[in-house]
Amino acid sequence: TDVAKAVGGWPLQWGMIGASALSNLGQFEAEMSSDSFQLVGMADRGFLPLCFARRSRHGTPTLGILLSLTAVLLGSVLVGFGKLTMMLNLLYIIAAFIEFSAFLYLRWAFPHWPRPFRIPLPL
């Protein structure tokens, strides 16, 4: 934000802070929704109790959302928000690395599999 203030003054600085806050809020909501639907899927397959598979009248997995929210709140209180943020960023990096590694492995191990799109790389 110091660079934004130096380049564009306080309007750009506060614009960057606001954009960052909205981006973080959207990312948190997307992650929490994804986690709650993963709990629904695990309950549908029998890995979790069926109470996690219940949905509200709008189709949202209410118990999964409450569980995710509780975990985040407890983590931020017990561990501290700064450390929790660092842990979540580390987990995100590890997950992205695993996903990209799996993508490369599948490209090399099974080059004959049909794909709905083509990436112009010599793999």
C-alpha atoms as a PDB file:
ATOM      1  CA  THR A   1       0.000   0.000   0.000  1.00  0.00           C
ATOM      2  CA  ASP A   2       2.960   2.311   0.454  1.00  0.00           C
ATOM      3  CA  VAL A   3       3.784   2.052  -3.246  1.00  0.00           C
ATOM      4  CA  ALA A   4       0.161   2.759  -4.185  1.00  0.00           C
ATOM      5  CA  LYS A   5       0.200   5.823  -1.937  1.00  0.00           C
ATOM      6  CA  ALA A   6       3.466   7.032  -3.458  1.00  0.00           C
ATOM      7  CA  VAL A   7       2.178   6.554  -7.007  1.00  0.00           C
ATOM      8  CA  GLY A   8      -1.437   7.713  -6.726  1.00  0.00           C
ATOM      9  CA  GLY A   9      -1.895   9.202  -3.298  1.00  0.00           C
ATOM     10  CA  TRP A  10      -4.456   8.184  -0.712  1.00  0.00           C
ATOM     11  CA  PRO A  11      -7.264   7.389  -3.239  1.00  0.00           C
ATOM     12  CA  LEU A  12      -5.170   4.691  -4.892  1.00  0.00           C
ATOM     13  CA  GLN A  13      -3.965   3.436  -1.514  1.00  0.00           C
ATOM     14  CA  TRP A  14      -7.500   3.010  -0.189  1.00  0.00           C
ATOM     15  CA  GLY A  15      -8.630   1.598  -3.530  1.00  0.00           C
ATOM     16  CA  MET A  16      -5.944  -1.085  -3.276  1.00  0.00           C
ATOM     17  CA  ILE A  17      -6.898  -1.857   0.327  1.00  0.00           C
ATOM     18  CA  GLY A  18     -10.583  -2.139  -0.623  1.00  0.00           C
ATOM     19  CA  ALA A  19      -9.854  -4.319  -3.647  1.00  0.00           C
ATOM     20  CA  SER A  20      -7.640  -6.561  -1.542  1.00  0.00           C
ATOM     21  CA  ALA A  21     -10.298  -6.885   1.152  1.00  0.00           C
ATOM     22  CA  LEU A  22     -12.993  -7.806  -1.392  1.00  0.00           C
ATOM     23  CA  SER A  23     -10.666 -10.290  -3.072  1.00  0.00           C
ATOM     24  CA  ASN A  24      -9.854 -11.960   0.252  1.00  0.00           C
ATOM     25  CA  LEU A  25     -13.532 -12.101   1.170  1.00  0.00           C
ATOM     26  CA  GLY A  26     -14.390 -13.732  -2.150  1.00  0.00           C
ATOM     27  CA  GLN A  27     -11.564 -16.236  -1.835  1.00  0.00           C
ATOM     28  CA  PHE A  28     -12.650 -17.126   1.714  1.00  0.00           C
ATOM     29  CA  GLU A  29     -16.264 -17.609   0.624  1.00  0.00           C
ATOM     30  CA  ALA A  30     -15.245 -19.771  -2.328  1.00  0.00           C
ATOM     31  CA  GLU A  31     -12.997 -21.931  -0.148  1.00  0.00           C
ATOM     32  CA  MET A  32     -15.622 -22.320   2.573  1.00  0.00           C
ATOM     33  CA  SER A  33     -18.282 -23.256   0.023  1.00  0.00           C
ATOM     34  CA  SER A  34     -15.950 -25.740  -1.631  1.00  0.00           C
ATOM     35  CA  ASP A  35     -15.105 -27.332   1.717  1.00  0.00           C
ATOM     36  CA  SER A  36     -18.752 -27.620   2.707  1.00  0.00           C
ATOM     37  CA  PHE A  37     -19.669 -29.311  -0.588  1.00  0.00           C
ATOM     38  CA  GLN A  38     -16.734 -31.700  -0.125  1.00  0.00           C
ATOM     39  CA  LEU A  39     -18.270 -32.686   3.201  1.00  0.00           C
ATOM     40  CA  VAL A  40     -21.576 -33.340   1.402  1.00  0.00           C
ATOM     41  CA  GLY A  41     -19.807 -35.540  -1.124  1.00  0.00           C
ATOM     42  CA  MET A  42     -18.026 -37.478   1.609  1.00  0.00           C
ATOM     43  CA  ALA A  43     -21.332 -37.994   3.431  1.00  0.00           C
ATOM     44  CA  ASP A  44     -23.003 -39.162   0.214  1.00  0.00           C
ATOM     45  CA  ARG A  45     -20.280 -41.783  -0.213  1.00  0.00           C
ATOM     46  CA  GLY A  46     -20.499 -42.957   3.398  1.00  0.00           C
ATOM     47  CA  PHE A  47     -17.242 -41.491   4.722  1.00  0.00           C
ATOM     48  CA  LEU A  48     -19.063 -39.079   7.069  1.00  0.00           C
ATOM     49  CA  PRO A  49     -22.392 -39.266   8.902  1.00  0.00           C
ATOM     50  CA  LEU A  50     -25.477 -38.540   6.778  1.00  0.00           C
ATOM     51  CA  CYS A  51     -26.209 -35.364   8.739  1.00  0.00           C
ATOM     52  CA  PHE A  52     -23.492 -33.682   6.611  1.00  0.00           C
ATOM     53  CA  ALA A  53     -25.404 -34.556   3.422  1.00  0.00           C
ATOM     54  CA  ARG A  54     -28.499 -32.551   4.412  1.00  0.00           C
ATOM     55  CA  ARG A  55     -29.091 -29.334   2.554  1.00  0.00           C
ATOM     56  CA  SER A  56     -31.217 -26.299   3.231  1.00  0.00           C
ATOM     57  CA  ARG A  57     -34.222 -25.421   1.067  1.00  0.00           C
ATOM     58  CA  HIS A  58     -31.812 -23.371  -1.079  1.00  0.00           C
ATOM     59  CA  GLY A  59     -29.530 -26.367  -1.696  1.00  0.00           C
ATOM     60  CA  THR A  60     -26.700 -25.193   0.519  1.00  0.00           C
ATOM     61  CA  PRO A  61     -24.995 -27.581   2.933  1.00  0.00           C
ATOM     62  CA  THR A  62     -25.727 -25.663   6.129  1.00  0.00           C
ATOM     63  CA  LEU A  63     -23.938 -28.013   8.544  1.00  0.00           C
ATOM     64  CA  GLY A  64     -20.818 -28.047   6.373  1.00  0.00           C
ATOM     65  CA  ILE A  65     -20.754 -24.259   6.221  1.00  0.00           C
ATOM     66  CA  LEU A  66     -21.180 -24.003   9.998  1.00  0.00           C
ATOM     67  CA  LEU A  67     -18.428 -26.565  10.548  1.00  0.00           C
ATOM     68  CA  SER A  68     -16.034 -24.722   8.220  1.00  0.00           C
ATOM     69  CA  LEU A  69     -16.832 -21.400   9.857  1.00  0.00           C
ATOM     70  CA  THR A  70     -16.327 -22.887  13.331  1.00  0.00           C
ATOM     71  CA  ALA A  71     -12.969 -24.367  12.321  1.00  0.00           C
ATOM     72  CA  VAL A  72     -11.767 -21.027  10.950  1.00  0.00           C
ATOM     73  CA  LEU A  73     -12.957 -19.102  14.012  1.00  0.00           C
ATOM     74  CA  LEU A  74     -11.386 -21.583  16.430  1.00  0.00           C
ATOM     75  CA  GLY A  75      -8.172 -21.604  14.431  1.00  0.00           C
ATOM     76  CA  SER A  76      -7.942 -17.826  14.412  1.00  0.00           C
ATOM     77  CA  VAL A  77      -8.584 -17.644  18.162  1.00  0.00           C
ATOM     78  CA  LEU A  78      -6.349 -20.540  19.241  1.00  0.00           C
ATOM     79  CA  VAL A  79      -3.485 -20.169  16.771  1.00  0.00           C
ATOM     80  CA  GLY A  80      -3.748 -16.499  15.893  1.00  0.00           C
ATOM     81  CA  PHE A  81      -4.888 -14.987  12.636  1.00  0.00           C
ATOM     82  CA  GLY A  82      -1.380 -14.282  11.306  1.00  0.00           C
ATOM     83  CA  LYS A  83      -0.139 -17.829  11.843  1.00  0.00           C
ATOM     84  CA  LEU A  84      -3.394 -19.256  10.505  1.00  0.00           C
ATOM     85  CA  THR A  85      -2.975 -17.191   7.338  1.00  0.00           C
ATOM     86  CA  MET A  86       0.588 -18.449   6.890  1.00  0.00           C
ATOM     87  CA  MET A  87      -0.521 -22.062   7.393  1.00  0.00           C
ATOM     88  CA  LEU A  88      -3.373 -21.698   4.896  1.00  0.00           C
ATOM     89  CA  ASN A  89      -1.062 -20.113   2.326  1.00  0.00           C
ATOM     90  CA  LEU A  90       1.415 -22.973   2.770  1.00  0.00           C
ATOM     91  CA  LEU A  91      -1.364 -25.540   2.337  1.00  0.00           C
ATOM     92  CA  TYR A  92      -2.581 -23.728  -0.776  1.00  0.00           C
ATOM     93  CA  ILE A  93       0.915 -23.795  -2.285  1.00  0.00           C
ATOM     94  CA  ILE A  94       1.274 -27.512  -1.511  1.00  0.00           C
ATOM     95  CA  ALA A  95      -2.135 -28.272  -3.039  1.00  0.00           C
ATOM     96  CA  ALA A  96      -1.326 -26.272  -6.181  1.00  0.00           C
ATOM     97  CA  PHE A  97       2.004 -28.096  -6.505  1.00  0.00           C
ATOM     98  CA  ILE A  98       0.300 -31.495  -6.157  1.00  0.00           C
ATOM     99  CA  GLU A  99      -2.348 -30.577  -8.746  1.00  0.00           C
ATOM    100  CA  PHE A 100       0.239 -29.357 -11.235  1.00  0.00           C
ATOM    101  CA  SER A 101       2.427 -32.409 -10.621  1.00  0.00           C
ATOM    102  CA  ALA A 102      -0.564 -34.701 -11.227  1.00  0.00           C
ATOM    103  CA  PHE A 103      -1.319 -32.823 -14.446  1.00  0.00           C
ATOM    104  CA  LEU A 104       2.247 -33.288 -15.705  1.00  0.00           C
ATOM    105  CA  TYR A 105       2.321 -36.947 -14.660  1.00  0.00           C
ATOM    106  CA  LEU A 106      -0.907 -37.708 -16.503  1.00  0.00           C
ATOM    107  CA  ARG A 107       0.362 -35.902 -19.616  1.00  0.00           C
ATOM    108  CA  TRP A 108       3.551 -37.983 -19.648  1.00  0.00           C
ATOM    109  CA  ALA A 109       2.150 -41.320 -18.461  1.00  0.00           C
ATOM    110  CA  PHE A 110      -0.984 -41.365 -20.624  1.00  0.00           C
ATOM    111  CA  PRO A 111      -0.347 -39.300 -23.767  1.00  0.00           C
ATOM    112  CA  HIS A 112      -2.939 -41.307 -25.742  1.00  0.00           C
ATOM    113  CA  TRP A 113      -5.909 -40.415 -23.529  1.00  0.00           C
ATOM    114  CA  PRO A 114      -8.472 -38.223 -25.304  1.00  0.00           C
ATOM    115  CA  ARG A 115      -8.600 -34.649 -24.062  1.00  0.00           C
ATOM    116  CA  PRO A 116     -11.236 -31.985 -24.666  1.00  0.00           C
ATOM    117  CA  PHE A 117      -8.533 -29.384 -25.332  1.00  0.00           C
ATOM    118  CA  ARG A 118      -4.904 -29.202 -26.426  1.00  0.00           C
ATOM    119  CA  ILE A 119      -2.130 -27.294 -24.703  1.00  0.00           C
ATOM    120  CA  PRO A 120       0.580 -26.371 -27.203  1.00  0.00           C
ATOM    121  CA  LEU A 121       3.515 -27.875 -25.294  1.00  0.00           C
ATOM    122  CA  PRO A 122       5.885 -30.580 -26.499  1.00  0.00           C
ATOM    123  CA  LEU A 123       4.922 -33.047 -23.756  1.00  0.00           C
END
